[in-house]
Protein backbone atom coordinates (compact mmCIF):
# COMPACT_ATOMS: atom_id res chain seq x y z
CA MET A 1 0.00 0.00 0.00
CA LEU A 2 1.24 3.48 -0.86
CA ILE A 3 2.28 5.79 1.97
CA SER A 4 -0.22 8.36 0.67
CA GLU A 5 -2.99 5.74 0.85
CA LYS A 6 -2.11 4.85 4.45
CA LEU A 7 -2.02 8.49 5.47
CA TYR A 8 -5.35 9.18 3.77
CA LEU A 9 -7.09 6.33 5.61
CA LEU A 10 -5.70 7.51 8.94
CA MET A 11 -6.77 11.11 8.38
CA ALA A 12 -10.12 10.50 6.67
CA ASN A 13 -11.93 9.44 9.84
CA ASN A 14 -14.69 8.22 7.52
CA HIS A 15 -15.25 11.82 6.38
CA PRO A 16 -17.08 11.80 3.04
CA LYS A 17 -15.15 14.61 1.37
CA PRO A 18 -11.59 13.74 0.27
CA GLU A 19 -10.88 17.41 -0.46
CA ALA A 20 -11.58 18.23 3.20
CA VAL A 21 -9.11 15.55 4.24
CA MET A 22 -6.52 17.00 1.87
CA SER A 23 -7.12 20.48 3.27
CA GLN A 24 -6.76 19.39 6.89
CA ALA A 25 -3.68 17.30 6.13
CA GLY A 26 -1.86 20.43 5.09
CA TYR A 27 1.27 19.48 3.19
CA GLY A 28 1.29 16.00 4.72
CA MET A 29 -0.25 14.32 1.68
CA ASN A 30 2.31 16.05 -0.54
CA ALA A 31 5.10 14.69 1.64
CA ALA A 32 3.52 11.23 1.47
CA VAL A 33 3.35 11.19 -2.32
CA LEU A 34 6.97 12.38 -2.48
CA SER A 35 7.92 9.41 -0.32
CA ASP A 36 5.97 7.16 -2.69
CA LEU A 37 7.87 8.60 -5.64
CA MET A 38 11.13 7.91 -3.84
CA ILE A 39 10.13 4.29 -3.25
CA ALA A 40 9.14 4.07 -6.93
CA GLY A 41 12.66 5.18 -7.82
CA ARG A 42 11.63 8.47 -9.45
CA VAL A 43 12.87 11.01 -6.88
CA ALA A 44 16.16 11.03 -5.00
CA PHE A 45 18.31 13.41 -3.03
CA SER A 46 21.12 15.17 -4.85
CA ASP A 47 24.53 15.83 -3.39
CA ASP A 48 23.28 19.24 -2.26
CA PRO A 49 23.63 19.42 1.54
CA ASP A 50 20.50 21.61 1.75
CA SER A 51 17.96 18.86 1.05
CA GLY A 52 18.31 19.14 -2.72
CA ILE A 53 16.27 16.65 -4.74
CA GLN A 54 16.45 15.39 -8.28
CA LEU A 55 14.18 13.43 -10.61
CA ILE A 56 15.55 10.10 -11.76
CA GLY A 57 14.35 7.37 -14.09
CA ALA A 58 12.72 7.90 -17.46
CA GLY A 59 9.37 7.53 -19.12
CA PRO A 60 5.84 7.83 -17.75
CA CYS A 61 4.96 6.52 -14.30
CA PRO A 62 2.45 3.63 -14.54
CA ASP A 63 0.80 4.35 -11.20
CA PRO A 64 -1.85 7.10 -11.69
CA VAL A 65 -1.44 8.22 -8.06
CA LEU A 66 2.19 9.08 -8.82
CA ALA A 67 2.01 10.10 -12.49
CA GLN A 68 0.51 13.56 -11.95
CA PRO A 69 2.81 14.65 -9.10
CA LEU A 70 5.80 13.47 -11.11
CA GLU A 71 4.64 15.60 -14.04
CA LYS A 72 4.20 18.61 -11.74
CA LEU A 73 7.70 18.17 -10.36
CA GLU A 74 9.09 18.03 -13.88
CA LYS A 75 7.31 21.24 -14.86
CA LYS A 76 8.18 23.12 -11.67
CA ALA A 77 11.84 22.15 -11.78
CA VAL A 78 11.99 22.32 -7.98
CA THR A 79 15.36 21.90 -6.37
CA THR A 80 14.70 21.28 -2.69
CA LEU A 81 12.47 19.09 -0.56
CA GLY A 82 11.05 22.18 1.13
CA GLU A 83 9.92 23.60 -2.21
CA ALA A 84 8.49 20.30 -3.38
CA VAL A 85 6.22 19.68 -0.38
CA LYS A 86 4.67 23.14 -0.80
CA ILE A 87 3.54 22.72 -4.41
CA PRO A 88 -0.25 23.26 -4.33
CA SER A 89 -2.10 19.91 -4.62
CA LEU A 90 1.05 18.03 -5.55
CA CYS A 91 -0.86 15.01 -4.30
CA ASN A 92 -4.13 14.60 -6.19
CA VAL A 93 -6.34 13.21 -3.43
CA ARG A 94 -8.91 11.92 -5.92
CA ARG A 95 -6.24 9.73 -7.51
CA VAL A 96 -5.58 8.32 -4.04
CA THR A 97 -9.27 7.58 -3.45
CA ASP A 98 -9.60 6.10 -6.98
CA SER A 99 -6.81 3.68 -6.09
CA LEU A 100 -8.41 2.78 -2.75
CA ALA A 101 -11.74 2.23 -4.52
CA LYS A 102 -10.13 -0.19 -6.98
CA GLN A 103 -8.81 -2.14 -4.00
CA GLY A 104 -12.30 -2.35 -2.50
CA ILE A 105 -11.34 -0.30 0.54
CA ILE A 106 -13.61 2.68 -0.15
CA GLU A 107 -16.47 3.41 -2.51
CA TYR A 108 -17.89 6.51 -4.13
CA GLY A 109 -21.45 7.43 -3.27
CA ALA A 110 -23.90 10.16 -4.17
CA LYS A 111 -22.86 13.71 -4.88
CA SER A 112 -23.89 16.53 -2.60
CA LEU A 113 -27.33 18.17 -2.54
CA PHE A 114 -29.01 18.50 -5.97
CA GLY A 115 -26.36 16.26 -7.50
CA LEU A 116 -23.78 19.02 -7.55
CA GLY A 117 -20.16 18.85 -6.48
CA LYS A 118 -17.90 15.83 -6.36
CA GLU A 119 -18.76 12.31 -5.32
CA ARG A 120 -18.50 11.52 -1.64
CA VAL A 121 -16.49 8.63 -0.26
CA ARG A 122 -17.42 5.88 2.18
CA VAL A 123 -14.98 3.45 3.75
CA LEU A 124 -15.99 -0.15 3.02
CA ASN A 125 -13.20 -2.08 4.71
CA ASP A 126 -12.10 -0.42 7.95
CA GLN A 127 -10.03 -3.48 8.87
CA ILE A 128 -7.20 -2.02 6.77
CA GLU A 129 -7.13 1.17 8.85
CA ARG A 130 -7.35 -0.84 12.08
CA GLN A 131 -4.35 -2.91 11.02
CA ILE A 132 -2.37 0.22 10.15
CA ARG A 133 -3.17 1.67 13.57
CA HIS A 134 -2.29 -1.60 15.32
CA ASP A 135 1.10 -1.69 13.57
CA LEU A 136 1.88 1.95 14.32
CA ALA A 137 0.98 1.49 17.98
CA ALA A 138 3.22 -1.58 18.25
CA GLU A 139 6.08 0.31 16.60
CA MET A 140 5.66 3.37 18.79
CA HIS A 141 5.70 1.22 21.95
CA GLY A 142 8.73 -0.78 20.81
CA GLU A 143 6.82 -4.03 20.34
CA LYS A 144 7.90 -4.41 16.71
CA ALA A 145 10.37 -2.82 14.34
CA ALA A 146 9.00 -0.18 11.99
CA GLY A 147 9.33 -0.65 8.25
CA ILE A 148 10.24 2.24 5.99
CA SER A 149 6.60 2.90 5.03
CA ASP A 150 5.32 3.17 8.61
CA SER A 151 8.35 5.22 9.58
CA ALA A 152 7.39 7.67 6.82
CA VAL A 153 3.77 7.85 8.01
CA LEU A 154 4.86 8.58 11.59
CA SER A 155 7.42 11.15 10.46
CA ILE A 156 4.82 12.98 8.36
CA LEU A 157 2.28 13.00 11.19
CA GLN A 158 4.95 14.42 13.49
CA ALA A 159 6.06 17.04 10.98
CA THR A 160 2.48 18.25 10.44
CA GLY A 161 1.69 18.31 14.16
CA LYS A 162 -1.06 15.69 13.82
CA THR A 163 0.41 12.76 15.73
CA HIS A 164 -1.72 12.94 18.86
CA GLN A 165 -4.83 14.01 16.99
CA ILE A 166 -4.71 11.09 14.59
CA LEU A 167 -3.29 8.46 16.96
CA ALA A 168 -5.06 9.61 20.13
CA GLU A 169 -6.02 6.13 21.33
CA GLU A 170 -2.80 4.46 20.23
CA LEU A 171 -0.64 7.05 22.04
CA SER A 172 -2.87 7.65 25.07
CA SER A 173 -0.08 6.58 27.44
CA MET A 174 2.54 8.81 25.78
CA SER A 175 3.06 12.52 26.23
CA GLU A 176 3.70 14.65 23.15
CA PRO A 177 7.42 15.04 23.97
CA GLN A 178 7.71 11.26 24.42
CA ALA A 179 5.99 10.67 21.09
CA ARG A 180 8.27 13.18 19.33
CA GLU A 181 11.34 11.52 20.79
CA ARG A 182 10.14 8.05 19.82
CA ILE A 183 9.30 9.06 16.23
CA ALA A 184 12.71 10.72 15.85
CA GLU A 185 14.27 7.49 17.13
CA ILE A 186 12.26 5.40 14.65
CA ALA A 187 13.25 7.72 11.79
CA GLN A 188 16.92 7.37 12.71
CA ASP A 189 16.91 3.63 13.33
CA THR A 190 14.58 2.16 10.68
CA PRO A 191 16.64 -0.25 8.57
CA ALA A 192 16.90 0.53 4.84
CA ALA A 193 17.46 -2.43 2.56
CA ASP A 194 18.53 -0.51 -0.55
CA SER A 195 19.27 2.94 -1.96
CA VAL A 196 15.58 3.67 -2.52
CA GLN A 197 14.69 2.94 1.10
CA ARG A 198 17.72 4.92 2.25
CA THR A 199 16.36 7.92 0.35
CA VAL A 200 13.02 7.69 2.18
CA ALA A 201 14.83 7.14 5.48
CA THR A 202 16.83 10.32 4.84
CA MET A 203 13.62 12.23 4.17
CA ASN A 204 12.09 10.91 7.39
CA VAL A 205 15.05 12.16 9.40
CA ILE A 206 14.98 15.55 7.67
CA ILE A 207 11.28 16.25 8.19
CA THR A 208 11.35 15.22 11.85
CA SER A 209 14.36 17.40 12.61
CA GLU A 210 13.78 20.45 10.39
CA ARG A 211 10.79 22.75 9.84
CA LEU A 212 10.33 21.90 6.16
CA ILE A 213 6.63 21.05 6.38
CA PRO A 214 4.38 23.77 7.84
CA THR A 215 2.26 22.51 10.73
CA ALA A 216 -1.29 21.73 9.59
CA ALA A 217 -4.18 23.64 11.13
CA LYS A 218 -6.15 21.99 13.90
CA SER A 219 -9.60 20.79 12.90
CA SER A 220 -12.78 19.55 14.49
CA TYR A 221 -12.82 16.72 11.95
CA PHE A 222 -10.28 14.92 14.10
């Protein structure tokens, strides 16, 4: 499962409007899709010590969730991670929900009043979200080692200031400083099997230690 898909399910809270989720996530979904592009081998860090990034690989990206953000990055010619995460709607949230719908995890329902607006979304299989939460809780409490994908999810939640809002039950026994310390530890210690995973691991460390992603606004949705 893509990192952007995991983050969407955690932040959706069964809310029917994906655009509202995207708005409340701030730049978190952008960071998630950048991590997905890194895992896909299309984005890497350059030798620039100031978080410089570069596009790698050639040809179109077969995954529609990643194809549009890759095209935007190519057109923008961004040079740093900080610039990339702030590109408006770099992550197309409807591409994320389309992918989740194909997997049978969510479904599209009726449009808003009078048939106007965009289709709403309903979660069909909440077992996926429950498993994600179970894994994150186990990793945060040191009961299992975090993989690179979960490490990215936790790092993004921390960077956007959403950790305790989104994982309130899972982190009920942890203070915010304890959670920050644990996520930083996970970001530093998560094993990376290859150069692609090392790129994501580097991003996780950067976003948990530097103010590259603006903190998302608090919301009553969560």
